[in-house]
């Protein structure tokens, strides 16, 4: 794969959308190992952001939207 400039903020954003190392590498046209080695911190930060957003969405669904199934799942 050819080398291209990798934007660390975009790596974090893509990880926050749930993209894995392979998908992010393909997006930037670099090897997965390059993303793993150079952008691990950004990737992990993005994944944590995704988990937080997902938990918040589940909470809103369970409490504010009174979704019984989500309340059971979260219990």
Protein backbone atom coordinates (compact mmCIF):
# COMPACT_ATOMS: atom_id res chain seq x y z
CA UNK A 1 0.00 0.00 0.00
CA UNK A 2 1.21 3.49 -0.74
CA UNK A 3 1.95 5.85 2.13
CA UNK A 4 -0.35 8.81 2.66
CA UNK A 5 -0.63 11.42 5.35
CA UNK A 6 -2.62 10.12 8.31
CA UNK A 7 -4.56 12.66 10.36
CA UNK A 8 -4.55 11.66 14.03
CA UNK A 9 -7.85 13.47 14.69
CA UNK A 10 -9.49 11.57 11.85
CA UNK A 11 -8.12 8.29 13.24
CA UNK A 12 -9.82 9.10 16.55
CA UNK A 13 -13.05 10.06 14.78
CA UNK A 14 -13.12 6.87 12.70
CA UNK A 15 -12.43 4.77 15.81
CA UNK A 16 -15.28 6.56 17.58
CA UNK A 17 -17.56 5.39 14.75
CA UNK A 18 -16.51 1.80 15.43
CA UNK A 19 -13.96 1.37 12.64
CA UNK A 20 -11.22 -1.15 13.37
CA UNK A 21 -7.50 -0.88 12.63
CA UNK A 22 -7.88 -2.54 9.22
CA UNK A 23 -10.68 -0.24 8.09
CA UNK A 24 -8.81 2.87 9.22
CA UNK A 25 -5.66 1.67 7.47
CA UNK A 26 -7.61 1.15 4.24
CA UNK A 27 -9.17 4.60 4.57
CA UNK A 28 -5.72 6.22 4.70
CA UNK A 29 -4.17 3.67 2.32
CA UNK A 30 -1.59 2.54 4.86
CA UNK A 31 -1.01 -0.78 6.54
CA UNK A 32 -2.99 -1.79 9.59
CA UNK A 33 0.27 -2.20 11.50
CA UNK A 34 1.14 1.46 10.88
CA UNK A 35 -2.12 2.56 12.52
CA UNK A 36 -1.57 0.12 15.41
CA UNK A 37 1.98 1.31 16.08
CA UNK A 38 1.76 5.05 15.46
CA UNK A 39 -1.84 5.89 16.37
CA UNK A 40 -2.68 3.48 19.19
CA UNK A 41 -3.44 6.30 21.64
CA UNK A 42 -5.82 8.05 19.23
CA UNK A 43 -7.48 4.76 18.32
CA UNK A 44 -8.06 3.74 21.93
CA UNK A 45 -9.34 7.21 22.79
CA UNK A 46 -11.82 7.05 19.92
CA UNK A 47 -13.03 3.61 20.97
CA UNK A 48 -13.62 4.84 24.53
CA UNK A 49 -15.57 7.79 23.13
CA UNK A 50 -17.71 5.36 21.12
CA UNK A 51 -18.44 3.27 24.22
CA UNK A 52 -19.43 6.39 26.17
CA UNK A 53 -21.80 7.54 23.40
CA UNK A 54 -23.33 4.08 23.18
CA UNK A 55 -23.88 3.87 26.95
CA UNK A 56 -25.42 7.33 27.01
CA UNK A 57 -27.74 6.43 24.14
CA UNK A 58 -28.78 3.26 25.95
CA UNK A 59 -29.44 5.25 29.14
CA UNK A 60 -31.57 7.80 27.27
CA UNK A 61 -33.51 5.00 25.61
CA UNK A 62 -34.09 3.23 28.92
CA UNK A 63 -34.93 6.20 31.13
CA UNK A 64 -36.17 9.08 29.01
CA UNK A 65 -37.92 6.93 26.38
CA UNK A 66 -39.07 4.37 28.95
CA UNK A 67 -37.86 1.40 26.87
CA UNK A 68 -38.54 -1.59 29.08
CA UNK A 69 -36.25 -3.94 27.12
CA UNK A 70 -33.32 -1.51 27.50
CA UNK A 71 -34.04 -1.12 31.21
CA UNK A 72 -33.86 -4.89 31.60
CA UNK A 73 -30.65 -5.04 29.55
CA UNK A 74 -28.99 -2.35 31.64
CA UNK A 75 -30.11 -3.96 34.91
